[in-house]
Amino acid sequence: GEKTSGRILSYTLAAMRYLIARDCKMIIVACNTATSIA
């Protein structure tokens, strides 16, 4: 919540790639900040 939008997007994309690589077919972005920015 205190990071820049660019950093939030970067961290969230890295998390998406990690979960997809671990065979997640559906992902819930539970973080409101990541939802709002990314």
PDB file of all heavy atoms in Angstrom:
ATOM      1  N   GLY A   1       0.782  -1.230   0.000  1.00  0.00           N
ATOM      2  CA  GLY A   1       0.000   0.000   0.000  1.00  0.00           C
ATOM      3  C   GLY A   1       0.812   1.277   0.000  1.00  0.00           C
ATOM      4  O   GLY A   1       0.302   2.343  -0.337  1.00  0.00           O
ATOM      5  N   GLU A   2       2.091   1.185   0.347  1.00  0.00           N
ATOM      6  CA  GLU A   2       2.946   2.374   0.368  1.00  0.00           C
ATOM      7  C   GLU A   2       3.948   2.378  -0.786  1.00  0.00           C
ATOM      8  O   GLU A   2       4.818   3.245  -0.840  1.00  0.00           O
ATOM      9  CB  GLU A   2       3.693   2.449   1.707  1.00  0.00           C
ATOM     10  CG  GLU A   2       2.773   2.385   2.925  1.00  0.00           C
ATOM     11  CD  GLU A   2       1.648   3.398   2.851  1.00  0.00           C
ATOM     12  OE1 GLU A   2       1.932   4.597   2.642  1.00  0.00           O
ATOM     13  OE2 GLU A   2       0.482   2.994   2.977  1.00  0.00           O
ATOM     14  N   LYS A   3       3.818   1.417  -1.718  1.00  0.00           N
ATOM     15  CA  LYS A   3       4.730   1.329  -2.856  1.00  0.00           C
ATOM     16  C   LYS A   3       4.189   2.136  -4.037  1.00  0.00           C
ATOM     17  O   LYS A   3       3.008   2.505  -4.091  1.00  0.00           O
ATOM     18  CB  LYS A   3       4.891  -0.129  -3.288  1.00  0.00           C
ATOM     19  CG  LYS A   3       5.448  -1.055  -2.220  1.00  0.00           C
ATOM     20  CD  LYS A   3       6.902  -0.783  -1.926  1.00  0.00           C
ATOM     21  CE  LYS A   3       7.554  -1.892  -1.096  1.00  0.00           C
ATOM     22  NZ  LYS A   3       6.978  -2.117   0.223  1.00  0.00           N
ATOM     23  N   THR A   4       5.061   2.397  -5.035  1.00  0.00           N
ATOM     24  CA  THR A   4       4.623   3.048  -6.261  1.00  0.00           C
ATOM     25  C   THR A   4       3.800   2.070  -7.094  1.00  0.00           C
ATOM     26  O   THR A   4       3.907   0.847  -6.947  1.00  0.00           O
ATOM     27  CB  THR A   4       5.814   3.512  -7.102  1.00  0.00           C
ATOM     28  OG1 THR A   4       6.555   2.363  -7.547  1.00  0.00           O
ATOM     29  CG2 THR A   4       6.723   4.434  -6.298  1.00  0.00           C
ATOM     30  N   SER A   5       3.009   2.609  -8.000  1.00  0.00           N
ATOM     31  CA  SER A   5       2.193   1.758  -8.872  1.00  0.00           C
ATOM     32  C   SER A   5       3.056   0.829  -9.707  1.00  0.00           C
ATOM     33  O   SER A   5       2.699  -0.339  -9.938  1.00  0.00           O
ATOM     34  CB  SER A   5       1.313   2.622  -9.781  1.00  0.00           C
ATOM     35  OG  SER A   5       0.382   3.357  -9.022  1.00  0.00           O
ATOM     36  N   GLY A   6       4.195   1.319 -10.165  1.00  0.00           N
ATOM     37  CA  GLY A   6       5.082   0.498 -10.974  1.00  0.00           C
ATOM     38  C   GLY A   6       5.613  -0.707 -10.216  1.00  0.00           C
ATOM     39  O   GLY A   6       5.678  -1.824 -10.759  1.00  0.00           O
ATOM     40  N   ARG A   7       5.993  -0.490  -8.975  1.00  0.00           N
ATOM     41  CA  ARG A   7       6.496  -1.606  -8.169  1.00  0.00           C
ATOM     42  C   ARG A   7       5.374  -2.601  -7.860  1.00  0.00           C
ATOM     43  O   ARG A   7       5.580  -3.815  -7.888  1.00  0.00           O
ATOM     44  CB  ARG A   7       7.133  -1.094  -6.882  1.00  0.00           C
ATOM     45  CG  ARG A   7       8.488  -0.444  -7.082  1.00  0.00           C
ATOM     46  CD  ARG A   7       9.217  -0.248  -5.771  1.00  0.00           C
ATOM     47  NE  ARG A   7      10.537   0.318  -5.973  1.00  0.00           N
ATOM     48  CZ  ARG A   7      11.621  -0.399  -6.249  1.00  0.00           C
ATOM     49  NH1 ARG A   7      11.518  -1.713  -6.379  1.00  0.00           N
ATOM     50  NH2 ARG A   7      12.790   0.179  -6.411  1.00  0.00           N
ATOM     51  N   ILE A   8       4.202  -2.088  -7.543  1.00  0.00           N
ATOM     52  CA  ILE A   8       3.070  -2.972  -7.259  1.00  0.00           C
ATOM     53  C   ILE A   8       2.762  -3.854  -8.461  1.00  0.00           C
ATOM     54  O   ILE A   8       2.553  -5.062  -8.337  1.00  0.00           O
ATOM     55  CB  ILE A   8       1.833  -2.152  -6.849  1.00  0.00           C
ATOM     56  CG1 ILE A   8       2.088  -1.448  -5.507  1.00  0.00           C
ATOM     57  CG2 ILE A   8       0.590  -3.037  -6.752  1.00  0.00           C
ATOM     58  CD1 ILE A   8       1.084  -0.350  -5.194  1.00  0.00           C
ATOM     59  N   LEU A   9       2.745  -3.263  -9.648  1.00  0.00           N
ATOM     60  CA  LEU A   9       2.490  -4.024 -10.864  1.00  0.00           C
ATOM     61  C   LEU A   9       3.576  -5.079 -11.069  1.00  0.00           C
ATOM     62  O   LEU A   9       3.283  -6.240 -11.388  1.00  0.00           O
ATOM     63  CB  LEU A   9       2.422  -3.095 -12.075  1.00  0.00           C
ATOM     64  CG  LEU A   9       2.224  -3.773 -13.434  1.00  0.00           C
ATOM     65  CD1 LEU A   9       0.928  -4.571 -13.475  1.00  0.00           C
ATOM     66  CD2 LEU A   9       2.246  -2.739 -14.562  1.00  0.00           C
ATOM     67  N   SER A  10       4.829  -4.700 -10.893  1.00  0.00           N
ATOM     68  CA  SER A  10       5.936  -5.627 -11.086  1.00  0.00           C
ATOM     69  C   SER A  10       5.843  -6.809 -10.124  1.00  0.00           C
ATOM     70  O   SER A  10       5.993  -7.975 -10.526  1.00  0.00           O
ATOM     71  CB  SER A  10       7.267  -4.899 -10.895  1.00  0.00           C
ATOM     72  OG  SER A  10       8.359  -5.794 -10.994  1.00  0.00           O
ATOM     73  N   TYR A  11       5.606  -6.533  -8.852  1.00  0.00           N
ATOM     74  CA  TYR A  11       5.508  -7.605  -7.859  1.00  0.00           C
ATOM     75  C   TYR A  11       4.303  -8.516  -8.152  1.00  0.00           C
ATOM     76  O   TYR A  11       4.388  -9.739  -8.012  1.00  0.00           O
ATOM     77  CB  TYR A  11       5.348  -7.022  -6.459  1.00  0.00           C
ATOM     78  CG  TYR A  11       6.513  -6.196  -5.962  1.00  0.00           C
ATOM     79  CD1 TYR A  11       6.311  -5.149  -5.054  1.00  0.00           C
ATOM     80  CD2 TYR A  11       7.822  -6.447  -6.385  1.00  0.00           C
ATOM     81  CE1 TYR A  11       7.369  -4.395  -4.582  1.00  0.00           C
ATOM     82  CE2 TYR A  11       8.884  -5.684  -5.917  1.00  0.00           C
ATOM     83  CZ  TYR A  11       8.650  -4.658  -5.017  1.00  0.00           C
ATOM     84  OH  TYR A  11       9.697  -3.902  -4.555  1.00  0.00           O
ATOM     85  N   THR A  12       3.203  -7.913  -8.565  1.00  0.00           N
ATOM     86  CA  THR A  12       1.995  -8.704  -8.815  1.00  0.00           C
ATOM     87  C   THR A  12       2.174  -9.605 -10.038  1.00  0.00           C
ATOM     88  O   THR A  12       1.760 -10.771 -10.027  1.00  0.00           O
ATOM     89  CB  THR A  12       0.781  -7.782  -8.994  1.00  0.00           C
ATOM     90  OG1 THR A  12       0.645  -6.936  -7.847  1.00  0.00           O
ATOM     91  CG2 THR A  12      -0.500  -8.593  -9.151  1.00  0.00           C
ATOM     92  N   LEU A  13       2.803  -9.090 -11.082  1.00  0.00           N
ATOM     93  CA  LEU A  13       3.057  -9.916 -12.265  1.00  0.00           C
ATOM     94  C   LEU A  13       3.981 -11.082 -11.925  1.00  0.00           C
ATOM     95  O   LEU A  13       3.782 -12.211 -12.413  1.00  0.00           O
ATOM     96  CB  LEU A  13       3.658  -9.070 -13.382  1.00  0.00           C
ATOM     97  CG  LEU A  13       2.723  -8.056 -14.037  1.00  0.00           C
ATOM     98  CD1 LEU A  13       3.480  -7.214 -15.060  1.00  0.00           C
ATOM     99  CD2 LEU A  13       1.536  -8.740 -14.697  1.00  0.00           C
ATOM    100  N   ALA A  14       4.971 -10.841 -11.091  1.00  0.00           N
ATOM    101  CA  ALA A  14       5.862 -11.923 -10.676  1.00  0.00           C
ATOM    102  C   ALA A  14       5.082 -12.997  -9.918  1.00  0.00           C
ATOM    103  O   ALA A  14       5.311 -14.204 -10.113  1.00  0.00           O
ATOM    104  CB  ALA A  14       6.994 -11.375  -9.808  1.00  0.00           C
ATOM    105  N   ALA A  15       4.159 -12.561  -9.078  1.00  0.00           N
ATOM    106  CA  ALA A  15       3.335 -13.515  -8.334  1.00  0.00           C
ATOM    107  C   ALA A  15       2.427 -14.311  -9.265  1.00  0.00           C
ATOM    108  O   ALA A  15       2.238 -15.521  -9.089  1.00  0.00           O
ATOM    109  CB  ALA A  15       2.507 -12.775  -7.290  1.00  0.00           C
ATOM    110  N   MET A  16       1.865 -13.649 -10.280  1.00  0.00           N
ATOM    111  CA  MET A  16       1.010 -14.358 -11.235  1.00  0.00           C
ATOM    112  C   MET A  16       1.813 -15.430 -11.965  1.00  0.00           C
ATOM    113  O   MET A  16       1.346 -16.567 -12.144  1.00  0.00           O
ATOM    114  CB  MET A  16       0.412 -13.376 -12.253  1.00  0.00           C
ATOM    115  CG  MET A  16      -0.543 -12.326 -11.676  1.00  0.00           C
ATOM    116  SD  MET A  16      -1.982 -13.004 -10.820  1.00  0.00           S
ATOM    117  CE  MET A  16      -1.462 -12.811  -9.092  1.00  0.00           C
ATOM    118  N   ARG A  17       3.020 -15.083 -12.392  1.00  0.00           N
ATOM    119  CA  ARG A  17       3.843 -16.065 -13.105  1.00  0.00           C
ATOM    120  C   ARG A  17       4.183 -17.248 -12.199  1.00  0.00           C
ATOM    121  O   ARG A  17       4.208 -18.401 -12.653  1.00  0.00           O
ATOM    122  CB  ARG A  17       5.115 -15.389 -13.622  1.00  0.00           C
ATOM    123  CG  ARG A  17       4.859 -14.385 -14.744  1.00  0.00           C
ATOM    124  CD  ARG A  17       6.154 -13.859 -15.352  1.00  0.00           C
ATOM    125  NE  ARG A  17       5.880 -12.995 -16.492  1.00  0.00           N
ATOM    126  CZ  ARG A  17       5.921 -11.667 -16.455  1.00  0.00           C
ATOM    127  NH1 ARG A  17       6.247 -11.041 -15.321  1.00  0.00           N
ATOM    128  NH2 ARG A  17       5.636 -10.950 -17.531  1.00  0.00           N
ATOM    129  N   TYR A  18       4.438 -16.974 -10.943  1.00  0.00           N
ATOM    130  CA  TYR A  18       4.753 -18.050 -10.006  1.00  0.00           C
ATOM    131  C   TYR A  18       3.567 -18.986  -9.825  1.00  0.00           C
ATOM    132  O   TYR A  18       3.706 -20.216  -9.895  1.00  0.00           O
ATOM    133  CB  TYR A  18       5.175 -17.458  -8.658  1.00  0.00           C
ATOM    134  CG  TYR A  18       5.522 -18.507  -7.628  1.00  0.00           C
ATOM    135  CD1 TYR A  18       6.658 -19.291  -7.774  1.00  0.00           C
ATOM    136  CD2 TYR A  18       4.711 -18.720  -6.529  1.00  0.00           C
ATOM    137  CE1 TYR A  18       6.987 -20.266  -6.847  1.00  0.00           C
ATOM    138  CE2 TYR A  18       5.023 -19.687  -5.587  1.00  0.00           C
ATOM    139  CZ  TYR A  18       6.170 -20.455  -5.746  1.00  0.00           C
ATOM    140  OH  TYR A  18       6.480 -21.427  -4.829  1.00  0.00           O
ATOM    141  N   LEU A  19       2.387 -18.432  -9.613  1.00  0.00           N
ATOM    142  CA  LEU A  19       1.204 -19.267  -9.397  1.00  0.00           C
ATOM    143  C   LEU A  19       0.815 -20.036 -10.653  1.00  0.00           C
ATOM    144  O   LEU A  19       0.406 -21.203 -10.580  1.00  0.00           O
ATOM    145  CB  LEU A  19       0.046 -18.393  -8.913  1.00  0.00           C
ATOM    146  CG  LEU A  19       0.186 -17.867  -7.480  1.00  0.00           C
ATOM    147  CD1 LEU A  19      -0.852 -16.793  -7.208  1.00  0.00           C
ATOM    148  CD2 LEU A  19       0.058 -19.005  -6.469  1.00  0.00           C
ATOM    149  N   ILE A  20       0.940 -19.402 -11.799  1.00  0.00           N
ATOM    150  CA  ILE A  20       0.629 -20.095 -13.054  1.00  0.00           C
ATOM    151  C   ILE A  20       1.604 -21.255 -13.276  1.00  0.00           C
ATOM    152  O   ILE A  20       1.204 -22.349 -13.696  1.00  0.00           O
ATOM    153  CB  ILE A  20       0.649 -19.108 -14.229  1.00  0.00           C
ATOM    154  CG1 ILE A  20      -0.538 -18.134 -14.125  1.00  0.00           C
ATOM    155  CG2 ILE A  20       0.602 -19.848 -15.569  1.00  0.00           C
ATOM    156  CD1 ILE A  20      -0.454 -16.942 -15.051  1.00  0.00           C
ATOM    157  N   ALA A  21       2.873 -21.037 -12.963  1.00  0.00           N
ATOM    158  CA  ALA A  21       3.866 -22.110 -13.101  1.00  0.00           C
ATOM    159  C   ALA A  21       3.595 -23.266 -12.144  1.00  0.00           C
ATOM    160  O   ALA A  21       4.045 -24.397 -12.392  1.00  0.00           O
ATOM    161  CB  ALA A  21       5.268 -21.559 -12.859  1.00  0.00           C
ATOM    162  N   ARG A  22       2.861 -22.994 -11.067  1.00  0.00           N
ATOM    163  CA  ARG A  22       2.506 -24.032 -10.096  1.00  0.00           C
ATOM    164  C   ARG A  22       1.121 -24.614 -10.383  1.00  0.00           C
ATOM    165  O   ARG A  22       0.478 -25.162  -9.505  1.00  0.00           O
ATOM    166  CB  ARG A  22       2.552 -23.444  -8.678  1.00  0.00           C
ATOM    167  CG  ARG A  22       3.923 -22.918  -8.247  1.00  0.00           C
ATOM    168  CD  ARG A  22       4.944 -24.018  -8.068  1.00  0.00           C
ATOM    169  NE  ARG A  22       4.506 -24.964  -7.064  1.00  0.00           N
ATOM    170  CZ  ARG A  22       4.648 -24.774  -5.744  1.00  0.00           C
ATOM    171  NH1 ARG A  22       5.219 -23.669  -5.291  1.00  0.00           N
ATOM    172  NH2 ARG A  22       4.224 -25.683  -4.894  1.00  0.00           N
ATOM    173  N   ASP A  23       0.656 -24.486 -11.601  1.00  0.00           N
ATOM    174  CA  ASP A  23      -0.574 -25.143 -12.069  1.00  0.00           C
ATOM    175  C   ASP A  23      -1.848 -24.554 -11.474  1.00  0.00           C
ATOM    176  O   ASP A  23      -2.809 -25.283 -11.204  1.00  0.00           O
ATOM    177  CB  ASP A  23      -0.531 -26.654 -11.811  1.00  0.00           C
ATOM    178  CG  ASP A  23       0.564 -27.346 -12.596  1.00  0.00           C
ATOM    179  OD1 ASP A  23       0.828 -26.931 -13.737  1.00  0.00           O
ATOM    180  OD2 ASP A  23       1.154 -28.296 -12.060  1.00  0.00           O
ATOM    181  N   CYS A  24      -1.876 -23.263 -11.308  1.00  0.00           N
ATOM    182  CA  CYS A  24      -3.113 -22.599 -10.878  1.00  0.00           C
ATOM    183  C   CYS A  24      -3.914 -22.192 -12.120  1.00  0.00           C
ATOM    184  O   CYS A  24      -3.430 -21.417 -12.951  1.00  0.00           O
ATOM    185  CB  CYS A  24      -2.813 -21.375 -10.014  1.00  0.00           C
ATOM    186  SG  CYS A  24      -2.138 -21.805  -8.391  1.00  0.00           S
ATOM    187  N   LYS A  25      -5.091 -22.713 -12.245  1.00  0.00           N
ATOM    188  CA  LYS A  25      -5.978 -22.416 -13.374  1.00  0.00           C
ATOM    189  C   LYS A  25      -6.767 -21.147 -13.130  1.00  0.00           C
ATOM    190  O   LYS A  25      -7.162 -20.442 -14.062  1.00  0.00           O
ATOM    191  CB  LYS A  25      -6.937 -23.593 -13.586  1.00  0.00           C
ATOM    192  CG  LYS A  25      -7.988 -23.393 -14.657  1.00  0.00           C
ATOM    193  CD  LYS A  25      -7.385 -23.408 -16.047  1.00  0.00           C
ATOM    194  CE  LYS A  25      -8.469 -23.394 -17.118  1.00  0.00           C
ATOM    195  NZ  LYS A  25      -7.904 -23.387 -18.477  1.00  0.00           N
ATOM    196  N   MET A  26      -6.997 -20.858 -11.865  1.00  0.00           N
ATOM    197  CA  MET A  26      -7.778 -19.687 -11.473  1.00  0.00           C
ATOM    198  C   MET A  26      -7.053 -19.021 -10.301  1.00  0.00           C
ATOM    199  O   MET A  26      -6.599 -19.707  -9.379  1.00  0.00           O
ATOM    200  CB  MET A  26      -9.184 -20.128 -11.056  1.00  0.00           C
ATOM    201  CG  MET A  26     -10.092 -19.014 -10.615  1.00  0.00           C
ATOM    202  SD  MET A  26     -11.718 -19.701 -10.203  1.00  0.00           S
ATOM    203  CE  MET A  26     -12.610 -18.159  -9.979  1.00  0.00           C
ATOM    204  N   ILE A  27      -6.931 -17.706 -10.362  1.00  0.00           N
ATOM    205  CA  ILE A  27      -6.205 -16.976  -9.323  1.00  0.00           C
ATOM    206  C   ILE A  27      -7.080 -15.857  -8.796  1.00  0.00           C
ATOM    207  O   ILE A  27      -7.636 -15.070  -9.569  1.00  0.00           O
ATOM    208  CB  ILE A  27      -4.882 -16.399  -9.856  1.00  0.00           C
ATOM    209  CG1 ILE A  27      -3.973 -17.522 -10.380  1.00  0.00           C
ATOM    210  CG2 ILE A  27      -4.162 -15.601  -8.769  1.00  0.00           C
ATOM    211  CD1 ILE A  27      -2.750 -17.030 -11.122  1.00  0.00           C
ATOM    212  N   ILE A  28      -7.188 -15.790  -7.481  1.00  0.00           N
ATOM    213  CA  ILE A  28      -7.880 -14.689  -6.824  1.00  0.00           C
ATOM    214  C   ILE A  28      -6.827 -13.722  -6.300  1.00  0.00           C
ATOM    215  O   ILE A  28      -5.994 -14.097  -5.461  1.00  0.00           O
ATOM    216  CB  ILE A  28      -8.747 -15.177  -5.644  1.00  0.00           C
ATOM    217  CG1 ILE A  28      -9.649 -16.335  -6.069  1.00  0.00           C
ATOM    218  CG2 ILE A  28      -9.552 -14.012  -5.076  1.00  0.00           C
ATOM    219  CD1 ILE A  28     -10.642 -16.017  -7.140  1.00  0.00           C
ATOM    220  N   VAL A  29      -6.831 -12.502  -6.799  1.00  0.00           N
ATOM    221  CA  VAL A  29      -5.950 -11.470  -6.257  1.00  0.00           C
ATOM    222  C   VAL A  29      -6.649 -10.911  -5.021  1.00  0.00           C
ATOM    223  O   VAL A  29      -7.502 -10.038  -5.105  1.00  0.00           O
ATOM    224  CB  VAL A  29      -5.672 -10.365  -7.289  1.00  0.00           C
ATOM    225  CG1 VAL A  29      -4.751  -9.295  -6.698  1.00  0.00           C
ATOM    226  CG2 VAL A  29      -5.035 -10.957  -8.548  1.00  0.00           C
ATOM    227  N   ALA A  30      -6.290 -11.462  -3.872  1.00  0.00           N
ATOM    228  CA  ALA A  30      -6.960 -11.078  -2.634  1.00  0.00           C
ATOM    229  C   ALA A  30      -6.522  -9.705  -2.147  1.00  0.00           C
ATOM    230  O   ALA A  30      -7.216  -9.077  -1.348  1.00  0.00           O
ATOM    231  CB  ALA A  30      -6.695 -12.132  -1.547  1.00  0.00           C
ATOM    232  N   CYS A  31      -5.385  -9.250  -2.622  1.00  0.00           N
ATOM    233  CA  CYS A  31      -4.859  -7.941  -2.217  1.00  0.00           C
ATOM    234  C   CYS A  31      -5.638  -6.819  -2.903  1.00  0.00           C
ATOM    235  O   CYS A  31      -5.667  -6.738  -4.133  1.00  0.00           O
ATOM    236  CB  CYS A  31      -3.381  -7.861  -2.591  1.00  0.00           C
ATOM    237  SG  CYS A  31      -2.609  -6.279  -2.221  1.00  0.00           S
ATOM    238  N   ASN A  32      -6.263  -5.947  -2.112  1.00  0.00           N
ATOM    239  CA  ASN A  32      -7.006  -4.820  -2.673  1.00  0.00           C
ATOM    240  C   ASN A  32      -6.086  -3.866  -3.420  1.00  0.00           C
ATOM    241  O   ASN A  32      -6.448  -3.329  -4.463  1.00  0.00           O
ATOM    242  CB  ASN A  32      -7.722  -4.065  -1.556  1.00  0.00           C
ATOM    243  CG  ASN A  32      -8.916  -4.800  -1.018  1.00  0.00           C
ATOM    244  OD1 ASN A  32     -10.058  -4.498  -1.339  1.00  0.00           O
ATOM    245  ND2 ASN A  32      -8.671  -5.792  -0.170  1.00  0.00           N
ATOM    246  N   THR A  33      -4.891  -3.651  -2.886  1.00  0.00           N
ATOM    247  CA  THR A  33      -3.952  -2.745  -3.541  1.00  0.00           C
ATOM    248  C   THR A  33      -3.548  -3.286  -4.904  1.00  0.00           C
ATOM    249  O   THR A  33      -3.561  -2.571  -5.908  1.00  0.00           O
ATOM    250  CB  THR A  33      -2.708  -2.535  -2.664  1.00  0.00           C
ATOM    251  OG1 THR A  33      -3.106  -1.966  -1.407  1.00  0.00           O
ATOM    252  CG2 THR A  33      -1.715  -1.611  -3.344  1.00  0.00           C
ATOM    253  N   ALA A  34      -3.193  -4.566  -4.962  1.00  0.00           N
ATOM    254  CA  ALA A  34      -2.827  -5.171  -6.243  1.00  0.00           C
ATOM    255  C   ALA A  34      -4.005  -5.195  -7.203  1.00  0.00           C
ATOM    256  O   ALA A  34      -3.846  -4.989  -8.410  1.00  0.00           O
ATOM    257  CB  ALA A  34      -2.289  -6.588  -6.014  1.00  0.00           C
ATOM    258  N   THR A  35      -5.202  -5.442  -6.677  1.00  0.00           N
ATOM    259  CA  THR A  35      -6.392  -5.401  -7.527  1.00  0.00           C
ATOM    260  C   THR A  35      -6.559  -4.030  -8.148  1.00  0.00           C
ATOM    261  O   THR A  35      -6.810  -3.884  -9.351  1.00  0.00           O
ATOM    262  CB  THR A  35      -7.653  -5.768  -6.714  1.00  0.00           C
ATOM    263  OG1 THR A  35      -7.535  -7.113  -6.239  1.00  0.00           O
ATOM    264  CG2 THR A  35      -8.901  -5.654  -7.568  1.00  0.00           C
ATOM    265  N   SER A  36      -6.420  -2.990  -7.328  1.00  0.00           N
ATOM    266  CA  SER A  36      -6.669  -1.628  -7.812  1.00  0.00           C
ATOM    267  C   SER A  36      -5.634  -1.172  -8.824  1.00  0.00           C
ATOM    268  O   SER A  36      -5.954  -0.442  -9.763  1.00  0.00           O
ATOM    269  CB  SER A  36      -6.711  -0.649  -6.628  1.00  0.00           C
ATOM    270  OG  SER A  36      -5.447  -0.560  -5.987  1.00  0.00           O
ATOM    271  N   ILE A  37      -4.399  -1.615  -8.666  1.00  0.00           N
ATOM    272  CA  ILE A  37      -3.321  -1.141  -9.533  1.00  0.00           C
ATOM    273  C   ILE A  37      -3.082  -2.060 -10.725  1.00  0.00           C
ATOM    274  O   ILE A  37      -2.822  -1.601 -11.845  1.00  0.00           O
ATOM    275  CB  ILE A  37      -2.004  -1.004  -8.727  1.00  0.00           C
ATOM    276  CG1 ILE A  37      -2.183  -0.018  -7.567  1.00  0.00           C
ATOM    277  CG2 ILE A  37      -0.848  -0.588  -9.630  1.00  0.00           C
ATOM    278  CD1 ILE A  37      -2.569   1.385  -7.977  1.00  0.00           C
ATOM    279  N   ALA A  38      -3.171  -3.383 -10.515  1.00  0.00           N
ATOM    280  CA  ALA A  38      -2.658  -4.323 -11.511  1.00  0.00           C
ATOM    281  C   ALA A  38      -3.701  -5.174 -12.214  1.00  0.00           C
ATOM    282  O   ALA A  38      -3.412  -5.734 -13.279  1.00  0.00           O
ATOM    283  CB  ALA A  38      -1.635  -5.252 -10.841  1.00  0.00           C
TER     284      ALA A  38
END
